[in-house]
Every structure is written in C-alpha cells, then in structure tokens.
PDB file of N, CA and C in Angstrom:
ATOM      1  N   MET A   1     -41.659  19.626  18.278  1.00  0.00           N
ATOM      2  CA  MET A   1     -40.298  19.839  17.820  1.00  0.00           C
ATOM      3  C   MET A   1     -39.812  21.150  18.419  1.00  0.00           C
ATOM      4  N   ASN A   2     -38.636  21.117  19.072  1.00  0.00           N
ATOM      5  CA  ASN A   2     -38.105  22.336  19.667  1.00  0.00           C
ATOM      6  C   ASN A   2     -37.264  23.111  18.659  1.00  0.00           C
ATOM      7  N   ALA A   3     -36.725  24.246  19.094  1.00  0.00           N
ATOM      8  CA  ALA A   3     -36.022  25.142  18.187  1.00  0.00           C
ATOM      9  C   ALA A   3     -34.760  24.530  17.587  1.00  0.00           C
ATOM     10  N   THR A   4     -34.146  23.577  18.284  1.00  0.00           N
ATOM     11  CA  THR A   4     -32.918  22.995  17.752  1.00  0.00           C
ATOM     12  C   THR A   4     -33.149  21.700  16.982  1.00  0.00           C
ATOM     13  N   GLU A   5     -34.359  21.168  16.997  1.00  0.00           N
ATOM     14  CA  GLU A   5     -34.654  19.969  16.219  1.00  0.00           C
ATOM     15  C   GLU A   5     -35.198  20.409  14.873  1.00  0.00           C
ATOM     16  N   THR A   6     -34.433  20.147  13.813  1.00  0.00           N
ATOM     17  CA  THR A   6     -34.772  20.678  12.499  1.00  0.00           C
ATOM     18  C   THR A   6     -35.535  19.700  11.616  1.00  0.00           C
ATOM     19  N   MET A   7     -35.579  18.411  12.022  1.00  0.00           N
ATOM     20  CA  MET A   7     -36.285  17.432  11.207  1.00  0.00           C
ATOM     21  C   MET A   7     -36.718  16.271  12.093  1.00  0.00           C
ATOM     22  N   HIS A   8     -37.873  15.693  11.766  1.00  0.00           N
ATOM     23  CA  HIS A   8     -38.360  14.538  12.512  1.00  0.00           C
ATOM     24  C   HIS A   8     -39.324  13.779  11.616  1.00  0.00           C
ATOM     25  N   LEU A   9     -38.993  12.514  11.299  1.00  0.00           N
ATOM     26  CA  LEU A   9     -39.882  11.711  10.469  1.00  0.00           C
ATOM     27  C   LEU A   9     -39.640  10.228  10.724  1.00  0.00           C
ATOM     28  N   GLN A  10     -40.515   9.410  10.180  1.00  0.00           N
ATOM     29  CA  GLN A  10     -40.394   7.958  10.294  1.00  0.00           C
ATOM     30  C   GLN A  10     -39.645   7.431   9.073  1.00  0.00           C
ATOM     31  N   GLY A  11     -38.886   6.384   9.278  1.00  0.00           N
ATOM     32  CA  GLY A  11     -38.130   5.823   8.170  1.00  0.00           C
ATOM     33  C   GLY A  11     -37.743   4.384   8.424  1.00  0.00           C
ATOM     34  N   VAL A  12     -36.680   3.962   7.740  1.00  0.00           N
ATOM     35  CA  VAL A  12     -36.221   2.579   7.765  1.00  0.00           C
ATOM     36  C   VAL A  12     -34.710   2.553   7.958  1.00  0.00           C
ATOM     37  N   ASN A  13     -34.245   1.660   8.839  1.00  0.00           N
ATOM     38  CA  ASN A  13     -32.822   1.368   8.940  1.00  0.00           C
ATOM     39  C   ASN A  13     -32.595   0.133   8.076  1.00  0.00           C
ATOM     40  N   LEU A  14     -31.948   0.325   6.934  1.00  0.00           N
ATOM     41  CA  LEU A  14     -31.702  -0.747   5.977  1.00  0.00           C
ATOM     42  C   LEU A  14     -30.240  -1.154   6.076  1.00  0.00           C
ATOM     43  N   ARG A  15     -30.001  -2.446   6.365  1.00  0.00           N
ATOM     44  CA  ARG A  15     -28.643  -2.966   6.528  1.00  0.00           C
ATOM     45  C   ARG A  15     -28.431  -4.149   5.589  1.00  0.00           C
ATOM     46  N   PHE A  16     -27.328  -4.081   4.864  1.00  0.00           N
ATOM     47  CA  PHE A  16     -26.907  -5.186   4.011  1.00  0.00           C
ATOM     48  C   PHE A  16     -25.681  -5.820   4.647  1.00  0.00           C
ATOM     49  N   TYR A  17     -25.610  -7.145   4.618  1.00  0.00           N
ATOM     50  CA  TYR A  17     -24.472  -7.874   5.176  1.00  0.00           C
ATOM     51  C   TYR A  17     -23.783  -8.622   4.045  1.00  0.00           C
ATOM     52  N   VAL A  18     -22.506  -8.318   3.835  1.00  0.00           N
ATOM     53  CA  VAL A  18     -21.738  -8.914   2.739  1.00  0.00           C
ATOM     54  C   VAL A  18     -20.361  -9.319   3.254  1.00  0.00           C
ATOM     55  N   HIS A  19     -19.634 -10.064   2.449  1.00  0.00           N
ATOM     56  CA  HIS A  19     -18.246 -10.390   2.768  1.00  0.00           C
ATOM     57  C   HIS A  19     -17.354  -9.295   2.194  1.00  0.00           C
ATOM     58  N   SER A  20     -16.272  -8.989   2.891  1.00  0.00           N
ATOM     59  CA  SER A  20     -15.420  -7.873   2.483  1.00  0.00           C
ATOM     60  C   SER A  20     -14.820  -8.052   1.095  1.00  0.00           C
ATOM     61  N   ASN A  21     -14.608  -9.283   0.657  1.00  0.00           N
ATOM     62  CA  ASN A  21     -14.023  -9.482  -0.669  1.00  0.00           C
ATOM     63  C   ASN A  21     -15.054  -9.838  -1.743  1.00  0.00           C
ATOM     64  N   ALA A  22     -16.350  -9.819  -1.404  1.00  0.00           N
ATOM     65  CA  ALA A  22     -17.402 -10.112  -2.391  1.00  0.00           C
ATOM     66  C   ALA A  22     -17.429  -9.010  -3.448  1.00  0.00           C
ATOM     67  N   LYS A  23     -17.602  -9.412  -4.701  1.00  0.00           N
ATOM     68  CA  LYS A  23     -17.590  -8.440  -5.800  1.00  0.00           C
ATOM     69  C   LYS A  23     -18.846  -8.554  -6.652  1.00  0.00           C
ATOM     70  N   HIS A  24     -19.162  -7.426  -7.294  1.00  0.00           N
ATOM     71  CA  HIS A  24     -20.237  -7.372  -8.281  1.00  0.00           C
ATOM     72  C   HIS A  24     -19.776  -6.456  -9.402  1.00  0.00           C
ATOM     73  N   LYS A  25     -19.783  -6.963 -10.612  1.00  0.00           N
ATOM     74  CA  LYS A  25     -19.340  -6.199 -11.788  1.00  0.00           C
ATOM     75  C   LYS A  25     -17.943  -5.612 -11.589  1.00  0.00           C
ATOM     76  N   GLY A  26     -17.052  -6.412 -10.986  1.00  0.00           N
ATOM     77  CA  GLY A  26     -15.671  -5.990 -10.807  1.00  0.00           C
ATOM     78  C   GLY A  26     -15.420  -5.048  -9.642  1.00  0.00           C
ATOM     79  N   ARG A  27     -16.450  -4.674  -8.926  1.00  0.00           N
ATOM     80  CA  ARG A  27     -16.323  -3.753  -7.782  1.00  0.00           C
ATOM     81  C   ARG A  27     -16.575  -4.523  -6.502  1.00  0.00           C
ATOM     82  N   LEU A  28     -15.932  -4.089  -5.414  1.00  0.00           N
ATOM     83  CA  LEU A  28     -16.277  -4.668  -4.125  1.00  0.00           C
ATOM     84  C   LEU A  28     -17.757  -4.420  -3.894  1.00  0.00           C
ATOM     85  N   LEU A  29     -18.465  -5.427  -3.411  1.00  0.00           N
ATOM     86  CA  LEU A  29     -19.923  -5.342  -3.299  1.00  0.00           C
ATOM     87  C   LEU A  29     -20.363  -4.206  -2.392  1.00  0.00           C
ATOM     88  N   TYR A  30     -19.675  -4.010  -1.260  1.00  0.00           N
ATOM     89  CA  TYR A  30     -20.087  -2.921  -0.374  1.00  0.00           C
ATOM     90  C   TYR A  30     -19.891  -1.566  -1.038  1.00  0.00           C
ATOM     91  N   GLU A  31     -18.836  -1.424  -1.859  1.00  0.00           N
ATOM     92  CA  GLU A  31     -18.638  -0.171  -2.593  1.00  0.00           C
ATOM     93  C   GLU A  31     -19.731   0.003  -3.647  1.00  0.00           C
ATOM     94  N   TRP A  32     -20.072  -1.083  -4.329  1.00  0.00           N
ATOM     95  CA  TRP A  32     -21.116  -1.028  -5.353  1.00  0.00           C
ATOM     96  C   TRP A  32     -22.448  -0.589  -4.748  1.00  0.00           C
ATOM     97  N   ILE A  33     -22.806  -1.143  -3.585  1.00  0.00           N
ATOM     98  CA  ILE A  33     -24.063  -0.763  -2.920  1.00  0.00           C
ATOM     99  C   ILE A  33     -24.043   0.720  -2.572  1.00  0.00           C
ATOM    100  N   LEU A  34     -22.938   1.197  -1.993  1.00  0.00           N
ATOM    101  CA  LEU A  34     -22.834   2.624  -1.654  1.00  0.00           C
ATOM    102  C   LEU A  34     -22.939   3.493  -2.908  1.00  0.00           C
ATOM    103  N   GLU A  35     -22.312   3.073  -3.992  1.00  0.00           N
ATOM    104  CA  GLU A  35     -22.385   3.836  -5.245  1.00  0.00           C
ATOM    105  C   GLU A  35     -23.805   3.888  -5.793  1.00  0.00           C
ATOM    106  N   GLN A  36     -24.523   2.772  -5.718  1.00  0.00           N
ATOM    107  CA  GLN A  36     -25.911   2.754  -6.185  1.00  0.00           C
ATOM    108  C   GLN A  36     -26.750   3.738  -5.377  1.00  0.00           C
ATOM    109  N   ALA A  37     -26.544   3.733  -4.062  1.00  0.00           N
ATOM    110  CA  ALA A  37     -27.295   4.644  -3.190  1.00  0.00           C
ATOM    111  C   ALA A  37     -26.974   6.099  -3.523  1.00  0.00           C
ATOM    112  N   ARG A  38     -25.693   6.394  -3.709  1.00  0.00           N
ATOM    113  CA  ARG A  38     -25.297   7.762  -4.060  1.00  0.00           C
ATOM    114  C   ARG A  38     -25.896   8.169  -5.399  1.00  0.00           C
ATOM    115  N   ASP A  39     -25.843   7.260  -6.378  1.00  0.00           N
ATOM    116  CA  ASP A  39     -26.395   7.565  -7.702  1.00  0.00           C
ATOM    117  C   ASP A  39     -27.904   7.801  -7.653  1.00  0.00           C
ATOM    118  N   GLN A  40     -28.582   7.205  -6.664  1.00  0.00           N
ATOM    119  CA  GLN A  40     -30.021   7.407  -6.492  1.00  0.00           C
ATOM    120  C   GLN A  40     -30.324   8.678  -5.696  1.00  0.00           C
ATOM    121  N   GLY A  41     -29.280   9.403  -5.287  1.00  0.00           N
ATOM    122  CA  GLY A  41     -29.473  10.655  -4.570  1.00  0.00           C
ATOM    123  C   GLY A  41     -29.796  10.496  -3.099  1.00  0.00           C
ATOM    124  N   LEU A  42     -29.497   9.330  -2.525  1.00  0.00           N
ATOM    125  CA  LEU A  42     -29.784   9.120  -1.103  1.00  0.00           C
ATOM    126  C   LEU A  42     -28.832   9.954  -0.257  1.00  0.00           C
ATOM    127  N   ALA A  43     -29.270  10.306   0.940  1.00  0.00           N
ATOM    128  CA  ALA A  43     -28.548  11.255   1.781  1.00  0.00           C
ATOM    129  C   ALA A  43     -27.221  10.726   2.308  1.00  0.00           C
ATOM    130  N   GLY A  44     -27.065   9.420   2.446  1.00  0.00           N
ATOM    131  CA  GLY A  44     -25.800   8.890   2.938  1.00  0.00           C
ATOM    132  C   GLY A  44     -25.907   7.440   3.324  1.00  0.00           C
ATOM    133  N   GLY A  45     -24.767   6.820   3.476  1.00  0.00           N
ATOM    134  CA  GLY A  45     -24.679   5.434   3.899  1.00  0.00           C
ATOM    135  C   GLY A  45     -23.274   5.171   4.388  1.00  0.00           C
ATOM    136  N   SER A  46     -23.089   4.102   5.129  1.00  0.00           N
ATOM    137  CA  SER A  46     -21.780   3.771   5.685  1.00  0.00           C
ATOM    138  C   SER A  46     -21.550   2.274   5.612  1.00  0.00           C
ATOM    139  N   ALA A  47     -20.275   1.890   5.497  1.00  0.00           N
ATOM    140  CA  ALA A  47     -19.884   0.483   5.541  1.00  0.00           C
ATOM    141  C   ALA A  47     -19.020   0.277   6.778  1.00  0.00           C
ATOM    142  N   PHE A  48     -19.301  -0.796   7.514  1.00  0.00           N
ATOM    143  CA  PHE A  48     -18.587  -1.125   8.746  1.00  0.00           C
ATOM    144  C   PHE A  48     -18.028  -2.538   8.620  1.00  0.00           C
ATOM    145  N   ARG A  49     -16.724  -2.686   8.840  1.00  0.00           N
ATOM    146  CA  ARG A  49     -16.111  -4.009   8.789  1.00  0.00           C
ATOM    147  C   ARG A  49     -16.048  -4.596  10.191  1.00  0.00           C
ATOM    148  N   ALA A  50     -16.431  -5.841  10.319  1.00  0.00           N
ATOM    149  CA  ALA A  50     -16.434  -6.523  11.613  1.00  0.00           C
ATOM    150  C   ALA A  50     -15.018  -6.952  11.989  1.00  0.00           C
ATOM    151  N   ILE A  51     -14.796  -7.126  13.291  1.00  0.00           N
ATOM    152  CA  ILE A  51     -13.527  -7.691  13.745  1.00  0.00           C
ATOM    153  C   ILE A  51     -13.641  -9.199  13.932  1.00  0.00           C
ATOM    154  N   ALA A  52     -14.867  -9.700  14.038  1.00  0.00           N
ATOM    155  CA  ALA A  52     -15.122 -11.138  14.125  1.00  0.00           C
ATOM    156  C   ALA A  52     -16.592 -11.382  13.827  1.00  0.00           C
ATOM    157  N   GLY A  53     -16.905 -12.593  13.398  1.00  0.00           N
ATOM    158  CA  GLY A  53     -18.302 -12.937  13.173  1.00  0.00           C
ATOM    159  C   GLY A  53     -18.450 -14.266  12.465  1.00  0.00           C
ATOM    160  N   PHE A  54     -19.686 -14.758  12.442  1.00  0.00           N
ATOM    161  CA  PHE A  54     -20.006 -15.940  11.657  1.00  0.00           C
ATOM    162  C   PHE A  54     -21.384 -15.735  11.060  1.00  0.00           C
ATOM    163  N   GLY A  55     -21.620 -16.421   9.964  1.00  0.00           N
ATOM    164  CA  GLY A  55     -22.887 -16.273   9.260  1.00  0.00           C
ATOM    165  C   GLY A  55     -23.677 -17.555   9.257  1.00  0.00           C
ATOM    166  N   ARG A  56     -24.594 -17.638   8.308  1.00  0.00           N
ATOM    167  CA  ARG A  56     -25.527 -18.760   8.260  1.00  0.00           C
ATOM    168  C   ARG A  56     -24.857 -20.108   8.027  1.00  0.00           C
ATOM    169  N   HIS A  57     -23.605 -20.106   7.547  1.00  0.00           N
ATOM    170  CA  HIS A  57     -22.896 -21.368   7.330  1.00  0.00           C
ATOM    171  C   HIS A  57     -22.070 -21.779   8.547  1.00  0.00           C
ATOM    172  N   GLY A  58     -22.032 -20.941   9.583  1.00  0.00           N
ATOM    173  CA  GLY A  58     -21.368 -21.280  10.830  1.00  0.00           C
ATOM    174  C   GLY A  58     -19.857 -21.139  10.832  1.00  0.00           C
ATOM    175  N   VAL A  59     -19.271 -20.574   9.796  1.00  0.00           N
ATOM    176  CA  VAL A  59     -17.823 -20.406   9.740  1.00  0.00           C
ATOM    177  C   VAL A  59     -17.443 -19.136  10.498  1.00  0.00           C
ATOM    178  N   LEU A  60     -16.573 -19.277  11.505  1.00  0.00           N
ATOM    179  CA  LEU A  60     -16.124 -18.137  12.300  1.00  0.00           C
ATOM    180  C   LEU A  60     -14.980 -17.439  11.585  1.00  0.00           C
ATOM    181  N   HIS A  61     -15.116 -16.137  11.389  1.00  0.00           N
ATOM    182  CA  HIS A  61     -14.067 -15.310  10.804  1.00  0.00           C
ATOM    183  C   HIS A  61     -13.599 -14.357  11.886  1.00  0.00           C
ATOM    184  N   GLU A  62     -12.284 -14.264  12.061  1.00  0.00           N
ATOM    185  CA  GLU A  62     -11.728 -13.330  13.026  1.00  0.00           C
ATOM    186  C   GLU A  62     -10.641 -12.525  12.347  1.00  0.00           C
ATOM    187  N   GLU A  63     -10.530 -11.257  12.744  1.00  0.00           N
ATOM    188  CA  GLU A  63      -9.477 -10.424  12.198  1.00  0.00           C
ATOM    189  C   GLU A  63      -8.159 -10.860  12.816  1.00  0.00           C
ATOM    190  N   ALA A  64      -7.255 -11.294  11.987  1.00  0.00           N
ATOM    191  CA  ALA A  64      -5.924 -11.698  12.415  1.00  0.00           C
ATOM    192  C   ALA A  64      -4.960 -11.302  11.310  1.00  0.00           C
ATOM    193  N   PHE A  65      -3.696 -11.325  11.606  1.00  0.00           N
ATOM    194  CA  PHE A  65      -2.709 -10.882  10.626  1.00  0.00           C
ATOM    195  C   PHE A  65      -2.881 -11.593   9.289  1.00  0.00           C
ATOM    196  N   PHE A  66      -3.051 -12.919   9.321  1.00  0.00           N
ATOM    197  CA  PHE A  66      -3.162 -13.672   8.077  1.00  0.00           C
ATOM    198  C   PHE A  66      -4.472 -13.417   7.348  1.00  0.00           C
ATOM    199  N   GLU A  67      -5.427 -12.762   7.982  1.00  0.00           N
ATOM    200  CA  GLU A  67      -6.734 -12.554   7.360  1.00  0.00           C
ATOM    201  C   GLU A  67      -7.044 -11.073   7.141  1.00  0.00           C
ATOM    202  N   LEU A  68      -6.035 -10.209   7.245  1.00  0.00           N
ATOM    203  CA  LEU A  68      -6.289  -8.780   7.080  1.00  0.00           C
ATOM    204  C   LEU A  68      -6.884  -8.469   5.712  1.00  0.00           C
ATOM    205  N   ALA A  69      -6.480  -9.197   4.696  1.00  0.00           N
ATOM    206  CA  ALA A  69      -7.052  -8.978   3.368  1.00  0.00           C
ATOM    207  C   ALA A  69      -8.090 -10.048   3.059  1.00  0.00           C
ATOM    208  N   GLY A  70      -8.612 -10.671   4.084  1.00  0.00           N
ATOM    209  CA  GLY A  70      -9.482 -11.826   3.917  1.00  0.00           C
ATOM    210  C   GLY A  70     -10.944 -11.496   3.758  1.00  0.00           C
ATOM    211  N   ASP A  71     -11.755 -12.398   4.259  1.00  0.00           N
ATOM    212  CA  ASP A  71     -13.185 -12.382   3.990  1.00  0.00           C
ATOM    213  C   ASP A  71     -13.982 -12.025   5.242  1.00  0.00           C
ATOM    214  N   MET A  72     -13.781 -10.843   5.770  1.00  0.00           N
ATOM    215  CA  MET A  72     -14.474 -10.410   6.979  1.00  0.00           C
ATOM    216  C   MET A  72     -15.867  -9.888   6.627  1.00  0.00           C
ATOM    217  N   PRO A  73     -16.813 -10.020   7.562  1.00  0.00           N
ATOM    218  CA  PRO A  73     -18.154  -9.484   7.329  1.00  0.00           C
ATOM    219  C   PRO A  73     -18.138  -7.947   7.255  1.00  0.00           C
ATOM    220  N   VAL A  74     -18.959  -7.406   6.379  1.00  0.00           N
ATOM    221  CA  VAL A  74     -19.135  -5.956   6.249  1.00  0.00           C
ATOM    222  C   VAL A  74     -20.628  -5.663   6.299  1.00  0.00           C
ATOM    223  N   ARG A  75     -20.999  -4.653   7.094  1.00  0.00           N
ATOM    224  CA  ARG A  75     -22.389  -4.193   7.154  1.00  0.00           C
ATOM    225  C   ARG A  75     -22.452  -2.849   6.430  1.00  0.00           C
ATOM    226  N   VAL A  76     -23.353  -2.748   5.470  1.00  0.00           N
ATOM    227  CA  VAL A  76     -23.578  -1.492   4.747  1.00  0.00           C
ATOM    228  C   VAL A  76     -24.927  -0.976   5.220  1.00  0.00           C
ATOM    229  N   GLU A  77     -24.935   0.225   5.795  1.00  0.00           N
ATOM    230  CA  GLU A  77     -26.116   0.694   6.522  1.00  0.00           C
ATOM    231  C   GLU A  77     -26.611   2.043   6.013  1.00  0.00           C
ATOM    232  N   PHE A  78     -27.939   2.146   5.987  1.00  0.00           N
ATOM    233  CA  PHE A  78     -28.605   3.371   5.555  1.00  0.00           C
ATOM    234  C   PHE A  78     -29.780   3.659   6.476  1.00  0.00           C
ATOM    235  N   VAL A  79     -30.074   4.930   6.688  1.00  0.00           N
ATOM    236  CA  VAL A  79     -31.309   5.363   7.341  1.00  0.00           C
ATOM    237  C   VAL A  79     -32.059   6.162   6.280  1.00  0.00           C
ATOM    238  N   LEU A  80     -33.222   5.637   5.869  1.00  0.00           N
ATOM    239  CA  LEU A  80     -33.912   6.144   4.686  1.00  0.00           C
ATOM    240  C   LEU A  80     -35.406   6.297   4.913  1.00  0.00           C
ATOM    241  N   ARG A  81     -36.031   7.038   4.019  1.00  0.00           N
ATOM    242  CA  ARG A  81     -37.491   7.015   3.949  1.00  0.00           C
ATOM    243  C   ARG A  81     -37.906   5.667   3.358  1.00  0.00           C
ATOM    244  N   ASP A  82     -39.125   5.251   3.627  1.00  0.00           N
ATOM    245  CA  ASP A  82     -39.611   3.954   3.138  1.00  0.00           C
ATOM    246  C   ASP A  82     -39.430   3.804   1.628  1.00  0.00           C
ATOM    247  N   SER A  83     -39.795   4.829   0.884  1.00  0.00           N
ATOM    248  CA  SER A  83     -39.716   4.755  -0.582  1.00  0.00           C
ATOM    249  C   SER A  83     -38.267   4.645  -1.057  1.00  0.00           C
ATOM    250  N   GLU A  84     -37.347   5.316  -0.368  1.00  0.00           N
ATOM    251  CA  GLU A  84     -35.933   5.232  -0.735  1.00  0.00           C
ATOM    252  C   GLU A  84     -35.383   3.829  -0.469  1.00  0.00           C
ATOM    253  N   ALA A  85     -35.773   3.250   0.664  1.00  0.00           N
ATOM    254  CA  ALA A  85     -35.324   1.895   1.002  1.00  0.00           C
ATOM    255  C   ALA A  85     -35.823   0.900  -0.034  1.00  0.00           C
ATOM    256  N   GLU A  86     -37.068   1.021  -0.429  1.00  0.00           N
ATOM    257  CA  GLU A  86     -37.628   0.097  -1.425  1.00  0.00           C
ATOM    258  C   GLU A  86     -36.927   0.257  -2.767  1.00  0.00           C
ATOM    259  N   GLN A  87     -36.610   1.495  -3.131  1.00  0.00           N
ATOM    260  CA  GLN A  87     -35.904   1.745  -4.393  1.00  0.00           C
ATOM    261  C   GLN A  87     -34.522   1.091  -4.374  1.00  0.00           C
ATOM    262  N   LEU A  88     -33.783   1.239  -3.275  1.00  0.00           N
ATOM    263  CA  LEU A  88     -32.452   0.644  -3.181  1.00  0.00           C
ATOM    264  C   LEU A  88     -32.539  -0.884  -3.154  1.00  0.00           C
ATOM    265  N   LEU A  89     -33.495  -1.415  -2.416  1.00  0.00           N
ATOM    266  CA  LEU A  89     -33.695  -2.868  -2.396  1.00  0.00           C
ATOM    267  C   LEU A  89     -34.002  -3.408  -3.792  1.00  0.00           C
ATOM    268  N   ASN A  90     -34.825  -2.702  -4.540  1.00  0.00           N
ATOM    269  CA  ASN A  90     -35.147  -3.132  -5.904  1.00  0.00           C
ATOM    270  C   ASN A  90     -33.909  -3.143  -6.794  1.00  0.00           C
ATOM    271  N   THR A  91     -33.050  -2.147  -6.635  1.00  0.00           N
ATOM    272  CA  THR A  91     -31.804  -2.097  -7.404  1.00  0.00           C
ATOM    273  C   THR A  91     -30.940  -3.311  -7.106  1.00  0.00           C
ATOM    274  N   VAL A  92     -30.811  -3.655  -5.828  1.00  0.00           N
ATOM    275  CA  VAL A  92     -29.995  -4.804  -5.430  1.00  0.00           C
ATOM    276  C   VAL A  92     -30.639  -6.104  -5.917  1.00  0.00           C
ATOM    277  N   ARG A  93     -31.959  -6.204  -5.797  1.00  0.00           N
ATOM    278  CA  ARG A  93     -32.669  -7.400  -6.291  1.00  0.00           C
ATOM    279  C   ARG A  93     -32.442  -7.603  -7.789  1.00  0.00           C
ATOM    280  N   GLU A  94     -32.595  -6.529  -8.545  1.00  0.00           N
ATOM    281  CA  GLU A  94     -32.448  -6.606  -9.999  1.00  0.00           C
ATOM    282  C   GLU A  94     -31.032  -6.991 -10.406  1.00  0.00           C
ATOM    283  N   ALA A  95     -30.045  -6.658  -9.575  1.00  0.00           N
ATOM    284  CA  ALA A  95     -28.651  -7.011  -9.862  1.00  0.00           C
ATOM    285  C   ALA A  95     -28.356  -8.471  -9.543  1.00  0.00           C
ATOM    286  N   GLU A  96     -29.290  -9.124  -8.860  1.00  0.00           N
ATOM    287  CA  GLU A  96     -29.184 -10.541  -8.513  1.00  0.00           C
ATOM    288  C   GLU A  96     -27.922 -10.870  -7.725  1.00  0.00           C
ATOM    289  N   VAL A  97     -27.546  -9.985  -6.791  1.00  0.00           N
ATOM    290  CA  VAL A  97     -26.412 -10.279  -5.910  1.00  0.00           C
ATOM    291  C   VAL A  97     -26.908 -11.086  -4.718  1.00  0.00           C
ATOM    292  N   GLU A  98     -26.020 -11.918  -4.172  1.00  0.00           N
ATOM    293  CA  GLU A  98     -26.384 -12.728  -3.017  1.00  0.00           C
ATOM    294  C   GLU A  98     -25.906 -12.025  -1.754  1.00  0.00           C
ATOM    295  N   LEU A  99     -26.852 -11.725  -0.866  1.00  0.00           N
ATOM    296  CA  LEU A  99     -26.525 -11.093   0.403  1.00  0.00           C
ATOM    297  C   LEU A  99     -27.688 -11.251   1.360  1.00  0.00           C
ATOM    298  N   VAL A 100     -27.451 -10.881   2.598  1.00  0.00           N
ATOM    299  CA  VAL A 100     -28.499 -10.855   3.620  1.00  0.00           C
ATOM    300  C   VAL A 100     -28.765  -9.393   3.933  1.00  0.00           C
ATOM    301  N   TYR A 101     -30.036  -9.045   4.181  1.00  0.00           N
ATOM    302  CA  TYR A 101     -30.353  -7.677   4.591  1.00  0.00           C
ATOM    303  C   TYR A 101     -31.386  -7.708   5.703  1.00  0.00           C
ATOM    304  N   THR A 102     -31.414  -6.612   6.457  1.00  0.00           N
ATOM    305  CA  THR A 102     -32.465  -6.400   7.447  1.00  0.00           C
ATOM    306  C   THR A 102     -33.042  -5.015   7.232  1.00  0.00           C
ATOM    307  N   SER A 103     -34.283  -4.869   7.624  1.00  0.00           N
ATOM    308  CA  SER A 103     -34.973  -3.592   7.514  1.00  0.00           C
ATOM    309  C   SER A 103     -35.804  -3.404   8.775  1.00  0.00           C
ATOM    310  N   SER A 104     -35.572  -2.293   9.467  1.00  0.00           N
ATOM    311  CA  SER A 104     -36.277  -2.020  10.722  1.00  0.00           C
ATOM    312  C   SER A 104     -36.824  -0.605  10.709  1.00  0.00           C
ATOM    313  N   PRO A 105     -38.030  -0.405  11.238  1.00  0.00           N
ATOM    314  CA  PRO A 105     -38.563   0.957  11.324  1.00  0.00           C
ATOM    315  C   PRO A 105     -37.752   1.782  12.320  1.00  0.00           C
ATOM    316  N   VAL A 106     -37.519   3.042  11.982  1.00  0.00           N
ATOM    317  CA  VAL A 106     -36.787   3.956  12.857  1.00  0.00           C
ATOM    318  C   VAL A 106     -37.448   5.326  12.852  1.00  0.00           C
ATOM    319  N   GLU A 107     -37.161   6.074  13.871  1.00  0.00           N
ATOM    320  CA  GLU A 107     -37.543   7.478  13.960  1.00  0.00           C
ATOM    321  C   GLU A 107     -36.302   8.281  13.614  1.00  0.00           C
ATOM    322  N   ILE A 108     -36.426   9.179  12.648  1.00  0.00           N
ATOM    323  CA  ILE A 108     -35.288   9.964  12.177  1.00  0.00           C
ATOM    324  C   ILE A 108     -35.428  11.391  12.682  1.00  0.00           C
ATOM    325  N   GLY A 109     -34.379  11.903  13.266  1.00  0.00           N
ATOM    326  CA  GLY A 109     -34.374  13.281  13.732  1.00  0.00           C
ATOM    327  C   GLY A 109     -33.015  13.906  13.506  1.00  0.00           C
ATOM    328  N   VAL A 110     -32.978  15.196  13.319  1.00  0.00           N
ATOM    329  CA  VAL A 110     -31.735  15.949  13.214  1.00  0.00           C
ATOM    330  C   VAL A 110     -31.791  17.044  14.257  1.00  0.00           C
ATOM    331  N   LEU A 111     -30.774  17.091  15.105  1.00  0.00           N
ATOM    332  CA  LEU A 111     -30.708  18.102  16.154  1.00  0.00           C
ATOM    333  C   LEU A 111     -29.727  19.194  15.767  1.00  0.00           C
ATOM    334  N   GLY A 112     -29.941  20.390  16.266  1.00  0.00           N
ATOM    335  CA  GLY A 112     -29.022  21.489  16.037  1.00  0.00           C
ATOM    336  C   GLY A 112     -29.384  22.302  14.811  1.00  0.00           C
ATOM    337  N   GLN A 113     -28.622  23.337  14.614  1.00  0.00           N
ATOM    338  CA  GLN A 113     -28.827  24.236  13.483  1.00  0.00           C
ATOM    339  C   GLN A 113     -28.117  23.691  12.261  1.00  0.00           C
ATOM    340  N   HIS A 114     -28.763  23.757  11.113  1.00  0.00           N
ATOM    341  CA  HIS A 114     -28.148  23.323   9.862  1.00  0.00           C
ATOM    342  C   HIS A 114     -27.152  24.388   9.433  1.00  0.00           C
ATOM    343  N   LYS A 115     -25.908  23.970   9.217  1.00  0.00           N
ATOM    344  CA  LYS A 115     -24.867  24.903   8.782  1.00  0.00           C
ATOM    345  C   LYS A 115     -24.245  24.378   7.506  1.00  0.00           C
ATOM    346  N   ASN A 116     -23.958  25.258   6.585  1.00  0.00           N
ATOM    347  CA  ASN A 116     -23.241  24.891   5.360  1.00  0.00           C
ATOM    348  C   ASN A 116     -21.765  25.098   5.604  1.00  0.00           C
ATOM    349  N   ASN A 117     -21.055  24.013   5.887  1.00  0.00           N
ATOM    350  CA  ASN A 117     -19.605  24.104   6.144  1.00  0.00           C
ATOM    351  C   ASN A 117     -18.843  23.740   4.914  1.00  0.00           C
TER     352      ASN A 117
END
C-alpha cells in the first residue's frame, strides 16, 4: 500500500434488481433497501434506474414519455464486507420481498488522503 492508498480489503459487490414502482411497507422498494442499509450503519449504497431492459419474464421496458412514471428496472448497489452483505441479505430475506440479487467478490480500495469536508 502506497502513501496515498488509505484502505485495501476484500469484500462483496451486492446488487439488488427491482422495479422502479415496486413497494414494501408503503415505501418504494429501492428506497426501503437503502434505508435498511443506512439503519445498519453501512458506509453507502446507490440506486441506478435503467433506460431500457428486460427481466426473467422477457418483457422489454424502455424509457419513453408515456413510461416516465412507469416500471423501469432499478439496480440498488453496495460494496460491503462479507459480514455486512450477509446482514443486509438477511434483512431482505426476512422481509419476504421478491427481487433478484447478485453478489460478487471485489477488492476494495480508497485512494488519496481522507479529508473531513
């Protein structure tokens, strides 16, 4: 590790795939997942909305004027330690929400000096 690399460890890239209008307990599902992660003290997560895609049922969704408030795919993504990923997965499992997820090993690093801005 050089002087500007402040952290280096192994972890997991955990991705959840949901529909943009899917809800759980009255909340948009992607927002609910992010809130659960934040409440568990995880370092961060992001939600990305697709411009087009299809899922296991083969239905093609494309972003168009008539579908701006529609059912586009959303990916909710985290880079976590193994134990954090398992904790978040358990929370989602216990909530019995229907979604697809992937989990891949990653190398986590932070470059540069840590600054409190």
